[in-house]
Protein backbone atom coordinates (compact mmCIF):
# COMPACT_ATOMS: atom_id res chain seq x y z
CA MET A 1 10.26 17.89 -130.45
CA LYS A 2 7.85 20.09 -129.21
CA ASP A 3 8.02 21.84 -125.69
CA GLY A 4 5.10 20.52 -124.61
CA ASP A 5 6.40 17.02 -125.83
CA ASP A 6 8.91 17.10 -123.17
CA PRO A 7 8.65 13.92 -121.00
CA LYS A 8 10.21 15.58 -118.09
CA GLU A 9 8.02 18.72 -118.03
CA LYS A 10 5.17 16.22 -118.85
CA LYS A 11 5.90 14.11 -115.50
CA ALA A 12 6.15 17.52 -113.67
CA LYS A 13 3.03 18.56 -115.02
CA LYS A 14 1.11 15.31 -113.98
CA LYS A 15 2.73 15.73 -110.51
CA ALA A 16 2.01 19.50 -109.87
CA GLU A 17 -1.84 18.40 -110.79
CA LYS A 18 -1.72 15.63 -108.62
CA VAL A 19 -0.32 17.65 -105.65
CA LYS A 20 -3.32 20.55 -106.42
CA THR A 21 -5.81 17.48 -106.62
CA LYS A 22 -4.83 16.25 -103.33
CA ALA A 23 -4.93 19.61 -101.90
CA LYS A 24 -8.08 20.58 -102.85
CA GLN A 25 -9.49 17.22 -101.79
CA LYS A 26 -7.82 18.12 -98.37
CA SER A 27 -9.18 21.57 -98.29
CA LYS A 28 -12.49 20.31 -98.77
CA LYS A 29 -12.32 17.41 -96.39
CA GLU A 30 -10.90 20.15 -93.60
CA LYS A 31 -13.83 22.04 -94.58
CA ILE A 32 -16.50 19.47 -94.31
CA GLU A 33 -14.85 18.71 -90.57
CA LYS A 34 -14.91 22.10 -89.62
CA LYS A 35 -18.41 22.33 -90.65
CA GLU A 36 -19.44 19.16 -88.86
CA LYS A 37 -17.21 20.32 -85.61
CA LYS A 38 -18.84 23.68 -85.74
CA GLU A 39 -22.38 21.88 -86.25
CA LYS A 40 -21.44 19.61 -83.38
CA LYS A 41 -20.28 22.14 -81.32
CA GLU A 42 -23.84 24.32 -81.75
CA LYS A 43 -25.63 21.36 -81.17
CA LYS A 44 -23.85 20.65 -78.01
CA GLU A 45 -24.01 24.25 -76.96
CA LYS A 46 -27.65 24.72 -77.82
CA LYS A 47 -28.68 21.02 -75.52
CA ASP A 48 -26.53 22.84 -72.66
CA LYS A 49 -28.55 25.64 -72.90
CA THR A 50 -31.57 23.37 -72.92
CA ASP A 51 -30.30 21.14 -70.14
CA LYS A 52 -29.60 24.55 -67.90
CA ASN A 53 -32.96 25.97 -68.53
CA GLU A 54 -34.69 22.38 -67.72
CA ASN A 55 -32.29 22.17 -64.74
CA ALA A 56 -32.79 25.99 -63.34
CA GLN A 57 -36.91 25.24 -63.76
CA GLY A 58 -36.42 22.10 -61.80
CA ILE A 59 -34.60 23.75 -58.95
CA GLU A 60 -37.61 26.90 -59.20
CA LYS A 61 -40.01 23.88 -59.18
CA GLU A 62 -38.16 21.91 -56.18
CA ALA A 63 -38.16 24.93 -54.15
CA ASP A 64 -41.59 26.18 -55.06
CA GLU A 65 -42.73 22.55 -54.28
CA ALA A 66 -40.48 22.60 -50.89
CA THR A 67 -41.95 26.07 -49.65
CA SER A 68 -45.55 24.71 -51.18
CA ASN A 69 -44.95 21.55 -49.20
CA SER A 70 -43.40 23.02 -45.79
CA SER A 71 -46.36 25.48 -45.62
CA LYS A 72 -49.18 22.96 -46.67
CA LYS A 73 -48.38 21.38 -43.34
CA PRO A 74 -46.12 23.06 -40.75
CA LYS A 75 -43.03 20.86 -40.59
CA PRO A 76 -42.15 19.18 -36.88
CA ILE A 77 -39.27 20.46 -35.16
CA GLN A 78 -37.16 17.67 -34.91
CA ALA A 79 -34.91 16.85 -31.65
CA THR A 80 -37.02 19.15 -29.29
CA VAL A 81 -37.93 16.71 -26.45
CA SER A 82 -35.56 14.31 -24.75
CA SER A 83 -37.46 12.70 -21.71
CA THR A 84 -34.93 10.90 -19.48
CA ALA A 85 -37.56 10.09 -16.65
CA SER A 86 -38.66 6.44 -16.12
CA ASP A 87 -42.05 5.17 -16.90
CA ALA A 88 -42.91 5.13 -13.24
CA ASP A 89 -41.88 8.25 -12.69
CA ILE A 90 -43.99 9.58 -15.68
CA ASN A 91 -46.70 7.49 -14.66
CA LYS A 92 -46.76 8.85 -11.22
CA PHE A 93 -46.76 12.53 -12.61
CA LEU A 94 -49.65 12.06 -14.73
CA GLY A 95 -51.72 10.56 -11.78
CA ASP A 96 -50.71 13.42 -9.31
CA SER A 97 -51.57 16.25 -11.86
CA GLY A 98 -54.78 14.51 -13.02
CA ILE A 99 -53.61 14.41 -16.56
CA THR A 100 -55.38 12.49 -19.22
CA VAL A 101 -54.13 12.56 -22.79
CA SER A 102 -56.13 11.11 -25.68
CA ASP A 103 -53.79 10.61 -29.06
CA PRO A 104 -55.42 9.26 -31.89
CA LEU A 105 -52.56 8.56 -33.73
CA ASP A 106 -50.84 7.14 -30.69
CA ASN A 107 -47.27 8.69 -31.25
CA GLY A 108 -46.34 7.46 -27.45
CA LEU A 109 -44.63 11.36 -26.59
CA ARG A 110 -44.10 11.60 -23.04
CA PRO A 111 -44.33 14.76 -20.76
CA VAL A 112 -41.75 16.92 -20.11
CA LEU A 113 -40.51 17.08 -16.08
CA SER A 114 -38.04 19.70 -16.50
CA PHE A 115 -37.02 22.68 -18.96
CA GLU A 116 -33.79 21.05 -19.36
CA GLU A 117 -35.60 17.96 -21.52
CA LEU A 118 -36.36 21.03 -24.04
CA SER A 119 -33.49 20.79 -27.04
CA ILE A 120 -35.01 24.11 -28.20
CA ASP A 121 -33.49 27.79 -28.78
CA LYS A 122 -31.07 28.60 -25.75
CA ARG A 123 -32.64 32.12 -25.55
CA VAL A 124 -36.05 30.94 -25.06
CA LEU A 125 -34.61 28.27 -22.48
CA ASP A 126 -32.97 31.16 -20.68
CA PHE A 127 -36.37 32.93 -20.66
CA LEU A 128 -37.85 30.02 -19.15
CA LYS A 129 -35.38 29.62 -16.22
CA LYS A 130 -37.32 32.33 -14.51
CA TYR A 131 -39.88 29.18 -13.44
CA PRO A 132 -39.17 26.59 -11.25
CA LYS A 133 -40.35 23.90 -13.48
CA PRO A 134 -43.37 23.12 -16.28
CA THR A 135 -47.07 23.18 -15.42
CA PRO A 136 -48.93 20.32 -15.78
CA ILE A 137 -50.33 21.56 -19.00
CA GLN A 138 -47.23 22.93 -20.32
CA SER A 139 -45.71 19.18 -19.52
CA ALA A 140 -47.67 17.74 -21.37
CA ALA A 141 -48.77 19.90 -24.33
CA TRP A 142 -45.03 20.81 -25.41
CA PRO A 143 -44.18 17.89 -26.82
CA PHE A 144 -47.15 17.41 -29.33
CA LEU A 145 -47.08 21.22 -29.99
CA LEU A 146 -43.20 21.09 -30.70
CA ALA A 147 -43.98 17.75 -33.01
CA GLY A 148 -46.64 20.04 -34.94
CA ARG A 149 -49.58 18.49 -33.71
CA ASP A 150 -52.91 20.16 -33.62
CA LEU A 151 -54.06 20.06 -29.75
CA ILE A 152 -56.96 20.83 -27.24
CA GLY A 153 -56.27 21.49 -24.02
CA VAL A 154 -58.74 21.22 -21.38
CA ALA A 155 -57.86 23.18 -18.08
CA GLU A 156 -58.49 25.47 -15.44
CA THR A 157 -57.51 29.10 -15.77
CA GLY A 158 -54.56 30.04 -13.84
CA SER A 159 -53.02 26.69 -14.94
CA GLY A 160 -49.94 28.22 -17.27
CA LYS A 161 -51.80 27.91 -20.61
CA THR A 162 -50.69 30.85 -22.06
CA MET A 163 -47.21 29.66 -22.31
CA ALA A 164 -47.87 26.28 -23.18
CA PHE A 165 -49.21 27.68 -26.55
CA ALA A 166 -46.42 30.54 -26.42
CA VAL A 167 -43.57 28.88 -26.09
CA PRO A 168 -44.05 26.23 -29.06
CA ALA A 169 -45.33 29.04 -31.19
CA ILE A 170 -41.75 31.16 -30.46
CA VAL A 171 -40.15 28.14 -31.23
CA TYR A 172 -42.16 27.36 -34.53
CA LEU A 173 -41.51 30.72 -35.65
CA LEU A 174 -37.72 30.52 -35.01
CA HIS A 175 -37.89 27.41 -37.16
CA LEU A 176 -39.74 28.77 -39.97
CA ALA A 177 -37.55 31.35 -40.46
CA VAL A 178 -34.24 29.16 -40.38
CA GLU A 179 -36.14 27.02 -43.20
CA ARG A 180 -37.32 30.09 -45.10
CA LYS A 181 -33.87 31.05 -45.61
CA LYS A 182 -32.98 27.85 -47.53
CA LYS A 183 -36.09 28.69 -50.06
CA VAL A 184 -36.13 30.61 -53.26
CA LYS A 185 -39.15 32.25 -52.08
CA THR A 186 -39.88 33.78 -48.63
CA THR A 187 -42.58 35.81 -47.09
CA SER A 188 -42.48 38.31 -43.98
CA SER A 189 -46.42 38.21 -43.45
CA THR A 190 -47.77 37.12 -39.95
CA SER A 191 -47.69 33.31 -39.20
CA VAL A 192 -48.98 33.46 -35.83
CA LEU A 193 -52.55 34.27 -34.98
CA ILE A 194 -53.92 33.96 -31.04
CA VAL A 195 -57.59 34.55 -30.85
CA SER A 196 -58.95 35.95 -27.11
CA PRO A 197 -62.53 36.64 -26.23
CA THR A 198 -61.97 39.94 -24.27
CA ARG A 199 -59.64 43.04 -24.71
CA GLU A 200 -57.87 42.52 -21.33
CA LEU A 201 -57.13 39.27 -21.81
CA ALA A 202 -55.84 39.58 -25.27
CA LEU A 203 -53.37 42.54 -23.99
CA GLN A 204 -52.31 39.65 -21.06
CA ILE A 205 -51.32 37.44 -23.86
CA HIS A 206 -49.41 40.06 -25.73
CA GLU A 207 -47.90 41.04 -22.64
CA ASN A 208 -46.17 37.71 -22.07
CA LEU A 209 -45.78 36.91 -25.69
CA ASN A 210 -43.67 40.30 -26.02
CA ASP A 211 -41.33 39.38 -23.01
CA LEU A 212 -40.62 36.04 -24.81
CA GLY A 213 -40.16 37.41 -28.26
CA ASN A 214 -38.29 40.51 -27.15
CA ALA A 215 -35.55 37.72 -25.95
CA VAL A 216 -35.53 36.15 -29.67
CA ASN A 217 -36.30 39.36 -31.91
CA ILE A 218 -39.63 38.10 -32.63
CA LYS A 219 -42.26 41.22 -32.72
CA SER A 220 -46.02 40.44 -31.84
CA VAL A 221 -48.90 43.00 -31.97
CA CYS A 222 -52.21 43.46 -29.89
CA VAL A 223 -55.39 44.53 -32.07
CA TYR A 224 -58.41 44.96 -30.11
CA GLY A 225 -61.95 47.35 -30.27
CA GLY A 226 -62.36 50.67 -28.37
CA VAL A 227 -59.05 52.25 -30.17
CA SER A 228 -57.81 53.52 -33.49
CA LYS A 229 -57.79 50.93 -36.48
CA ASP A 230 -55.49 53.30 -38.14
CA ASP A 231 -52.76 53.11 -35.56
CA GLN A 232 -53.17 49.06 -35.49
CA LYS A 233 -52.74 48.85 -39.12
CA ARG A 234 -49.58 50.62 -38.91
CA THR A 235 -48.50 48.33 -36.09
CA LEU A 236 -49.29 45.05 -37.82
CA LYS A 237 -46.50 45.84 -40.58
CA GLY A 238 -43.79 43.29 -40.15
CA ALA A 239 -45.44 41.55 -36.92
CA ASN A 240 -45.09 37.72 -36.65
CA VAL A 241 -47.52 37.41 -33.90
CA VAL A 242 -51.06 38.79 -33.77
CA VAL A 243 -52.95 38.86 -30.58
CA ALA A 244 -56.62 39.73 -31.63
CA THR A 245 -60.13 39.85 -30.28
CA PRO A 246 -62.30 38.21 -32.99
CA GLY A 247 -64.45 41.94 -33.99
CA ARG A 248 -61.76 43.56 -34.43
CA LEU A 249 -59.60 40.84 -36.43
CA ILE A 250 -62.57 40.43 -38.92
CA ASP A 251 -62.69 44.46 -39.22
CA LEU A 252 -59.05 44.18 -40.00
CA VAL A 253 -59.48 41.09 -42.39
CA ASN A 254 -62.44 43.27 -44.03
CA ASP A 255 -59.95 46.19 -44.50
CA GLY A 256 -57.19 43.90 -46.09
CA ALA A 257 -54.93 44.71 -43.11
CA VAL A 258 -54.54 41.13 -42.22
CA ASP A 259 -53.94 37.90 -44.95
CA LEU A 260 -55.13 35.15 -43.00
CA LYS A 261 -54.24 32.60 -45.81
CA ALA A 262 -50.72 33.28 -44.64
CA ILE A 263 -51.71 31.82 -40.89
CA SER A 264 -50.21 28.81 -40.41
CA TYR A 265 -50.14 28.57 -36.31
CA LEU A 266 -53.45 29.47 -34.89
CA VAL A 267 -54.22 29.51 -31.37
CA LEU A 268 -58.18 29.87 -30.03
CA ASP A 269 -57.67 30.51 -26.12
CA GLU A 270 -60.86 30.31 -23.88
CA ALA A 271 -62.86 28.54 -26.96
CA ASP A 272 -65.68 28.09 -24.41
CA ARG A 273 -66.06 31.65 -23.37
CA MET A 274 -65.53 32.81 -27.39
CA LEU A 275 -68.77 30.66 -28.07
CA GLU A 276 -70.77 32.07 -24.92
CA LYS A 277 -70.13 35.24 -26.04
CA GLY A 278 -71.65 34.77 -29.27
CA PHE A 279 -68.43 34.77 -31.32
CA GLU A 280 -68.99 31.62 -32.91
CA GLU A 281 -70.15 32.67 -36.24
CA ASP A 282 -66.77 35.16 -36.32
CA ILE A 283 -64.80 32.25 -35.12
CA LYS A 284 -65.84 29.67 -37.60
CA ARG A 285 -65.30 32.72 -40.20
CA ILE A 286 -61.69 33.19 -38.90
CA MET A 287 -61.16 29.17 -39.21
CA GLN A 288 -62.43 29.04 -42.76
CA SER A 289 -60.63 31.86 -44.37
CA THR A 290 -57.15 30.26 -43.17
CA ASP A 291 -55.72 27.59 -45.14
CA ALA A 292 -56.16 23.86 -43.66
CA SER A 293 -53.70 22.35 -45.22
CA ASN A 294 -51.31 25.30 -43.83
CA ARG A 295 -52.36 25.62 -40.25
CA LYS A 296 -51.36 23.90 -36.87
CA THR A 297 -54.50 24.44 -34.62
CA VAL A 298 -54.15 24.90 -31.12
CA MET A 299 -57.41 25.30 -28.97
CA PHE A 300 -57.60 26.05 -25.23
CA THR A 301 -60.66 25.94 -22.68
CA ALA A 302 -61.70 25.86 -19.25
CA THR A 303 -64.64 23.76 -20.13
CA TRP A 304 -65.65 21.16 -22.69
CA PRO A 305 -69.01 21.38 -23.48
CA PRO A 306 -70.54 20.17 -26.85
CA SER A 307 -70.53 23.28 -28.43
CA VAL A 308 -66.55 23.37 -27.85
CA ARG A 309 -66.51 19.88 -28.96
CA ASP A 310 -68.25 20.41 -32.23
CA LEU A 311 -65.69 23.44 -32.98
CA ALA A 312 -62.57 21.21 -32.57
CA SER A 313 -64.27 18.39 -34.47
CA GLN A 314 -64.90 21.01 -37.68
CA PHE A 315 -61.55 22.29 -37.66
CA LEU A 316 -59.04 20.44 -36.23
CA ASN A 317 -56.73 17.69 -37.47
CA ASN A 318 -56.72 14.27 -35.64
CA PRO A 319 -56.13 16.39 -32.41
CA VAL A 320 -54.22 15.46 -29.22
CA LYS A 321 -56.57 16.39 -26.18
CA VAL A 322 -54.62 17.04 -23.00
CA MET A 323 -57.09 17.31 -20.06
CA ILE A 324 -56.03 18.74 -16.66
CA GLY A 325 -58.29 17.12 -13.81
CA ASP A 326 -61.95 16.04 -14.55
CA ARG A 327 -63.18 18.90 -16.84
CA GLU A 328 -65.54 16.82 -18.84
CA SER A 329 -68.30 15.99 -15.97
CA GLU A 330 -70.00 18.31 -13.50
CA LEU A 331 -68.49 21.74 -13.23
CA LYS A 332 -65.89 21.92 -10.65
CA ALA A 333 -64.18 24.97 -8.94
CA ASN A 334 -60.71 25.26 -8.02
CA ALA A 335 -60.39 23.14 -4.75
CA ARG A 336 -57.84 25.66 -3.61
CA ILE A 337 -60.54 28.28 -3.08
CA GLU A 338 -62.49 28.65 0.13
CA GLN A 339 -65.85 29.45 -0.75
CA VAL A 340 -68.50 31.25 1.63
CA VAL A 341 -72.05 32.25 -0.03
CA GLU A 342 -74.34 34.84 1.68
CA VAL A 343 -77.85 34.97 1.87
CA MET A 344 -79.62 38.09 2.19
CA ASP A 345 -81.90 40.91 1.28
CA PRO A 346 -80.76 42.82 -1.97
CA ARG A 347 -80.73 45.88 0.07
CA GLN A 348 -78.13 44.83 2.27
CA LYS A 349 -75.27 44.27 -0.11
CA GLU A 350 -73.56 47.39 -0.13
CA GLN A 351 -73.62 47.57 3.52
CA ARG A 352 -72.15 44.29 3.46
CA LEU A 353 -69.34 45.02 1.35
CA LEU A 354 -68.14 47.77 3.49
CA GLN A 355 -68.01 45.53 6.24
CA LEU A 356 -66.10 43.40 4.39
CA LEU A 357 -63.70 45.89 3.34
CA ARG A 358 -63.19 47.19 6.90
CA GLN A 359 -62.45 43.64 7.82
CA TYR A 360 -59.80 42.64 4.92
CA ARG A 361 -58.24 45.75 4.52
CA SER A 362 -56.73 46.27 8.18
CA GLY A 363 -54.06 44.56 10.05
CA PRO A 364 -51.89 42.01 8.56
CA ASN A 365 -54.39 41.68 5.69
CA GLN A 366 -54.12 45.72 4.63
CA ASP A 367 -52.08 45.03 1.57
CA ASP A 368 -53.83 41.71 0.10
CA LYS A 369 -55.53 42.37 -3.45
CA ILE A 370 -59.47 42.29 -3.14
CA LEU A 371 -61.32 42.04 -6.54
CA ILE A 372 -65.08 42.84 -6.39
CA PHE A 373 -67.58 41.57 -9.18
CA ALA A 374 -70.50 43.71 -10.30
CA LEU A 375 -72.94 42.23 -12.76
CA TYR A 376 -73.71 45.14 -14.75
CA LYS A 377 -71.51 48.32 -15.83
CA LYS A 378 -74.35 51.15 -14.25
CA GLU A 379 -74.02 48.92 -10.99
CA ALA A 380 -70.23 48.94 -10.99
CA ALA A 381 -69.87 52.55 -11.91
CA ARG A 382 -72.31 53.31 -8.86
CA VAL A 383 -70.54 51.47 -6.55
CA GLU A 384 -67.19 52.91 -7.58
CA ARG A 385 -68.49 56.13 -6.91
CA SER A 386 -70.08 55.10 -3.73
CA LEU A 387 -66.54 53.88 -2.53
CA GLN A 388 -64.40 56.54 -3.99
CA SER A 389 -66.73 58.95 -1.93
CA LYS A 390 -65.99 56.77 1.32
CA GLY A 391 -62.08 57.21 0.88
CA TYR A 392 -61.27 53.77 -0.81
CA LYS A 393 -58.94 54.30 -3.56
CA ILE A 394 -60.56 51.88 -6.38
CA ALA A 395 -59.53 51.00 -9.88
CA ALA A 396 -62.35 49.56 -12.43
CA ILE A 397 -63.06 47.86 -15.63
CA HIS A 398 -66.65 48.08 -17.00
CA GLY A 399 -68.22 48.67 -20.39
CA ASP A 400 -68.36 52.90 -19.45
CA LEU A 401 -64.69 53.66 -19.33
CA SER A 402 -62.47 53.56 -22.24
CA GLN A 403 -59.73 51.28 -23.25
CA THR A 404 -57.27 53.08 -22.13
CA GLN A 405 -58.48 53.69 -18.57
CA ARG A 406 -59.28 50.04 -18.17
CA THR A 407 -55.77 49.23 -19.33
CA ASN A 408 -54.50 51.62 -16.75
CA ALA A 409 -56.75 50.24 -14.12
CA LEU A 410 -55.61 46.82 -14.39
CA GLU A 411 -51.85 47.45 -14.34
CA ASN A 412 -52.39 49.73 -11.44
CA PHE A 413 -54.18 46.65 -9.45
CA LYS A 414 -51.59 44.26 -10.99
CA THR A 415 -48.59 46.39 -9.61
CA GLY A 416 -50.05 46.95 -6.39
CA ALA A 417 -50.55 50.30 -7.07
CA CYS A 418 -54.22 50.25 -6.10
CA LYS A 419 -55.18 47.04 -3.94
CA LEU A 420 -59.20 47.05 -5.02
CA LEU A 421 -60.34 46.45 -8.33
CA LEU A 422 -64.20 46.72 -9.34
CA ALA A 423 -64.98 44.40 -12.53
CA THR A 424 -67.84 43.54 -14.38
CA ASP A 425 -67.41 39.86 -16.03
CA VAL A 426 -65.27 41.18 -18.58
CA ALA A 427 -62.55 40.50 -16.16
CA ALA A 428 -63.74 37.26 -15.22
CA ARG A 429 -61.86 34.77 -17.43
CA GLY A 430 -58.42 34.16 -18.09
CA LEU A 431 -56.71 37.23 -16.45
CA ASP A 432 -53.35 36.28 -14.45
CA ILE A 433 -53.64 38.61 -11.80
CA PRO A 434 -50.90 37.76 -9.27
CA ALA A 435 -51.76 37.47 -5.56
CA VAL A 436 -55.46 38.08 -5.40
CA LYS A 437 -56.36 37.01 -2.14
CA LEU A 438 -60.03 37.91 -2.01
CA VAL A 439 -62.91 37.91 -4.74
CA ILE A 440 -66.25 39.34 -3.30
CA ASN A 441 -69.15 38.57 -5.76
CA LEU A 442 -71.80 41.63 -4.96
CA THR A 443 -74.05 40.39 -7.75
CA PHE A 444 -74.14 36.81 -8.51
CA PRO A 445 -73.14 36.43 -12.45
CA LEU A 446 -75.85 34.90 -15.01
CA THR A 447 -74.60 31.36 -15.03
CA ALA A 448 -72.92 29.01 -12.41
CA GLU A 449 -69.91 28.89 -14.98
CA ASP A 450 -69.22 32.77 -14.85
CA TYR A 451 -69.41 31.80 -11.12
CA VAL A 452 -66.34 29.60 -11.34
CA HIS A 453 -64.44 31.86 -13.48
CA ARG A 454 -64.71 34.95 -11.41
CA ILE A 455 -63.63 32.87 -8.44
CA GLY A 456 -60.71 31.54 -10.36
CA ARG A 457 -58.90 35.05 -10.32
CA THR A 458 -57.95 34.07 -6.73
CA GLY A 459 -56.33 30.25 -5.96
CA ARG A 460 -53.94 30.51 -9.09
CA ALA A 461 -50.60 28.95 -9.57
CA GLY A 462 -51.12 26.89 -6.64
CA GLN A 463 -51.70 29.31 -4.31
CA SER A 464 -54.88 29.49 -1.89
CA GLY A 465 -57.58 31.85 -1.35
CA LYS A 466 -60.77 32.96 -0.94
CA ALA A 467 -64.12 34.20 -2.48
CA ILE A 468 -67.22 35.41 -0.58
CA THR A 469 -70.83 35.64 -2.75
CA PHE A 470 -73.80 37.49 -1.95
CA PHE A 471 -76.94 35.65 -3.11
CA THR A 472 -80.26 37.08 -3.00
CA GLU A 473 -83.79 35.68 -4.13
CA HIS A 474 -83.10 37.34 -7.98
CA GLU A 475 -80.84 34.29 -8.57
CA LYS A 476 -82.86 31.76 -6.94
CA HIS A 477 -83.23 30.09 -10.37
CA LEU A 478 -79.40 29.51 -10.18
CA SER A 479 -79.40 28.25 -6.76
CA GLY A 480 -79.32 24.44 -7.85
CA ALA A 481 -76.20 25.15 -9.85
CA LEU A 482 -74.38 26.68 -7.36
CA VAL A 483 -75.33 23.74 -4.68
CA ASN A 484 -73.66 21.58 -7.20
CA VAL A 485 -70.54 23.62 -7.60
CA LEU A 486 -70.02 23.77 -3.64
CA ARG A 487 -70.56 20.25 -3.12
CA ALA A 488 -68.22 19.45 -5.96
CA ALA A 489 -65.51 21.05 -4.47
CA ASP A 490 -66.41 19.98 -0.84
CA GLN A 491 -67.38 23.70 0.60
CA PRO A 492 -70.43 24.28 2.95
CA VAL A 493 -73.94 24.92 1.61
CA PRO A 494 -76.00 27.20 3.63
CA GLU A 495 -79.29 26.34 5.09
CA GLU A 496 -80.78 29.60 3.54
CA LEU A 497 -79.44 28.62 -0.03
CA LEU A 498 -81.00 24.99 0.19
CA LYS A 499 -84.38 26.61 0.78
CA PHE A 500 -84.59 28.11 -2.85
CA GLY A 501 -84.75 24.58 -3.82
CA GLY A 502 -82.46 22.18 -6.04
CA HIS A 503 -83.70 23.13 -9.54
CA THR A 504 -81.20 24.59 -12.21
CA LYS A 505 -81.56 26.94 -14.33
CA LYS A 506 -83.54 26.20 -17.66
CA LYS A 507 -81.56 25.98 -20.72
CA GLU A 508 -81.12 28.98 -22.82
CA HIS A 509 -79.83 30.03 -26.32
CA SER A 510 -77.27 32.44 -26.61
CA VAL A 511 -79.52 34.69 -28.83
CA TYR A 512 -83.06 33.37 -27.86
CA GLY A 513 -82.05 32.96 -23.87
CA ALA A 514 -84.96 31.52 -22.07
CA PHE A 515 -87.54 31.69 -24.78
CA TYR A 516 -85.08 29.04 -26.83
CA LYS A 517 -86.87 25.96 -27.62
CA GLU A 518 -85.10 22.68 -28.66
CA VAL A 519 -86.70 21.43 -31.52
CA ASP A 520 -86.32 17.66 -33.23
CA PRO A 521 -85.27 18.13 -36.52
CA ASN A 522 -86.39 14.84 -37.73
CA GLN A 523 -89.87 15.33 -36.39
CA LYS A 524 -92.65 15.88 -39.07
CA ALA A 525 -94.29 19.09 -38.95
CA LYS A 526 -97.99 19.40 -38.60
CA LYS A 527 -100.08 20.85 -41.41
CA ILE A 528 -102.44 23.74 -39.79
CA VAL A 529 -105.32 24.51 -41.88
CA PHE A 530 -107.05 28.10 -41.34
CA ASP A 531 -110.66 28.49 -41.98
């Protein structure tokens, strides 16, 4: 028998081949499973990576949308007002203060009668504690402004309008800072812009805002003409709030120093005055350069003429209108101001001025502040020199002075370092000069509106005051308007003034003056044929 034919060997060989085949099959299976496992792992890793990328993109998109949405319409600041007064108390307050609130959305927001009703940053509340209570315009405006509404405030000068818009602006910035910490993208550009008609009023607003801003570490700057633009450009860096006059603001926008698209809180202060001064096109350009969907707009005005109404209808979104007193009908002066009109020969004015100064700068009244208004800067400069030659210490604000001189003069008058201030109409609107007891109109202004705002420098913040006005035949075309103002405030009307008649000044255009003619745009033109 051959070795290969051994049955035991044959059986062992067969068994070995069987084991080998089994091992090959197992190895092959393991390889297949390993490959499948690897492919599955790679597939999972790829899917996880895709999901992660999609998730990251989604988060970024949500953040961008949140940032975009928050900028598209400034969010209301929640839980800022908790009025505890009864309906009867609220109605009495509205009636006693002469407040009319018109809300097209009828949100049912109620005035705040005390600072304690404001659930806002404690630092802001601490700052407000130096005042006894909110003024009527503040009480009525704050709930709406803190809720993110556009607003029109119509109130007399000296009614606390600056803080009415400044407090919500600062609270809005604080709220915005908290919101931006939650966003992927942030910006440090200016968010609040306040536009004012004159340098002096802009500086006054800035001073008040700066005091409040310092309490909460918010930076505000003031930009106006007459000083270096380069210096102002440097101060703009990192500013949260800009207070500006229209002309200089347009210059800085043209130079790329201010980005109006970033403005989300815009205030027009003394809107009627800005339109009167010929700033209408500048104001419209400013408004159109901002993002309307990213703008809360606040407008304050002392009067409510058609030009202001038209501006509001174009640029404000469902605005709440808060009116203090009857500002829509005839022009009215502050009822707390005693008005005296003296009709005289123009050559008697300066002699009469000296008599009044001797009378009101002696005895118990010698420390009273007296504000004298002239019409033109040449007249103001002449009277200033004349009074100085007679020993009077007098400060002056008019166009022939530098901005530094004007600022120093106003500061000296405010602090009482100088008791007499001589000014042209640049100082007539909005300036809050404490404790002015007497206003003297050396020359009557160009309009009855300017007269009302001139004398409004006295009798502020609930105090009484007196205004003495010199009236001559040169202003007889304004006698009717002046008579109406006197009668509306229950003030005596001199017989000499009535002799000029009751006609009012012919309607004028801001550009064309008395030569302006109102034309019906629907009237068909006449064809003129020349020979």
